[in-house]
Amino acid sequence: MEVIRRNQLKKARELLAGQTCIVGFDDYNEFRSFSVQLSHYNSGMARERNLYIHAASKSKKYQYCLIAVSAEEHNKELKNSKIKLQWKKQLPDCWKTA
């Protein structure tokens, strides 16, 4: 899977439920800044689009694997601890092994 290294937030905004992508950054400050931007996106625009973007991180590589789920699915995750981490099953194999 290709690592997106430009316009990472734009790519996150383009995701639809069920889609996944990997975004990478050149340094730690960009990496951390993205997590704040993604949090704001999830609180505002994503909610309006009935989405939620999960992010798994690899801080040593300055990368996030983004997984988009529907807002309904995310609400179910919040209410049921048994399915809370189900989204991680959607992580691509290349992310798990790298």
Protein backbone atom coordinates (compact mmCIF):
# COMPACT_ATOMS: atom_id res chain seq x y z
CA MET A 1 0.00 0.00 0.00
CA GLU A 2 1.36 3.40 -0.98
CA VAL A 3 2.27 5.86 1.77
CA ILE A 4 0.75 9.29 1.13
CA ARG A 5 3.38 11.94 1.91
CA ARG A 6 1.63 15.06 0.60
CA ASN A 7 -1.77 16.52 1.37
CA GLN A 8 -2.32 13.96 4.13
CA LEU A 9 -5.29 15.76 5.71
CA LYS A 10 -6.90 16.17 2.29
CA LYS A 11 -6.56 12.42 1.78
CA ALA A 12 -8.15 11.78 5.19
CA ARG A 13 -11.06 14.02 4.21
CA GLU A 14 -11.59 12.04 1.00
CA LEU A 15 -12.00 8.69 2.77
CA LEU A 16 -15.37 6.98 2.81
CA ALA A 17 -16.56 4.34 5.28
CA GLY A 18 -14.65 1.12 4.72
CA GLN A 19 -11.62 2.78 3.13
CA THR A 20 -8.07 2.70 4.43
CA CYS A 21 -4.89 4.61 3.67
CA ILE A 22 -1.44 5.17 5.13
CA VAL A 23 -0.07 8.68 5.54
CA GLY A 24 3.53 9.54 6.36
CA PHE A 25 5.38 12.63 7.53
CA ASP A 26 8.93 13.97 7.33
CA ASP A 27 9.31 14.80 11.00
CA TYR A 28 7.79 14.35 14.42
CA ASN A 29 6.19 17.83 14.55
CA GLU A 30 4.21 17.19 11.36
CA PHE A 31 3.28 13.74 12.66
CA ARG A 32 1.93 15.12 15.97
CA SER A 33 0.23 18.08 14.31
CA PHE A 34 -1.70 15.70 12.07
CA SER A 35 -3.19 13.88 15.07
CA VAL A 36 -4.58 17.19 16.35
CA GLN A 37 -5.94 18.09 12.91
CA LEU A 38 -7.54 14.65 12.57
CA SER A 39 -9.16 15.02 15.98
CA HIS A 40 -10.67 18.35 14.93
CA TYR A 41 -11.81 16.80 11.66
CA ASN A 42 -13.51 13.91 13.50
CA SER A 43 -15.27 16.38 15.81
CA GLY A 44 -16.59 18.54 13.01
CA MET A 45 -16.60 17.77 9.31
CA ALA A 46 -16.42 13.97 9.63
CA ARG A 47 -19.37 13.99 12.00
CA GLU A 48 -21.33 16.03 9.45
CA ARG A 49 -20.45 13.39 6.84
CA ASN A 50 -21.50 10.59 9.24
CA LEU A 51 -17.93 9.28 9.42
CA TYR A 52 -15.20 8.65 11.92
CA ILE A 53 -11.54 8.18 11.05
CA HIS A 54 -9.56 5.80 13.28
CA ALA A 55 -5.78 6.19 13.26
CA ALA A 56 -3.17 3.57 14.17
CA SER A 57 0.27 5.10 14.57
CA LYS A 58 3.88 4.11 14.08
CA SER A 59 5.72 6.97 15.72
CA LYS A 60 9.19 5.75 14.77
CA LYS A 61 8.19 5.82 11.10
CA TYR A 62 6.05 8.99 11.45
CA GLN A 63 3.08 7.18 9.91
CA TYR A 64 -0.62 6.68 10.55
CA CYS A 65 -2.87 4.05 9.05
CA LEU A 66 -6.29 5.66 8.68
CA ILE A 67 -9.47 3.60 8.68
CA ALA A 68 -12.80 5.24 7.97
CA VAL A 69 -15.95 3.85 9.57
CA SER A 70 -19.49 5.12 9.62
CA ALA A 71 -20.51 7.29 12.56
CA GLU A 72 -23.12 4.66 13.42
CA GLU A 73 -20.44 1.97 13.60
CA HIS A 74 -18.24 4.20 15.76
CA ASN A 75 -21.13 4.89 18.14
CA LYS A 76 -21.66 1.13 18.51
CA GLU A 77 -17.94 0.76 19.31
CA LEU A 78 -18.22 3.38 22.03
CA LYS A 79 -21.18 1.63 23.64
CA ASN A 80 -19.95 -1.97 23.42
CA SER A 81 -16.50 -2.79 24.78
CA LYS A 82 -16.56 -6.17 23.00
CA ILE A 83 -16.42 -4.50 19.60
CA LYS A 84 -14.43 -1.42 20.61
CA LEU A 85 -11.27 -2.52 18.79
CA GLN A 86 -12.92 -4.29 15.84
CA TRP A 87 -11.70 -1.56 13.49
CA LYS A 88 -8.13 -2.83 13.97
CA LYS A 89 -9.07 -5.98 12.06
CA GLN A 90 -9.21 -3.74 8.98
CA LEU A 91 -5.52 -2.83 9.27
CA PRO A 92 -3.77 -4.03 6.10
CA ASP A 93 -1.24 -6.85 6.44
CA CYS A 94 1.54 -4.56 5.20
CA TRP A 95 0.88 -2.32 8.24
CA LYS A 96 0.88 -5.19 10.72
CA THR A 97 4.17 -6.65 9.49
CA ALA A 98 6.14 -3.47 8.79
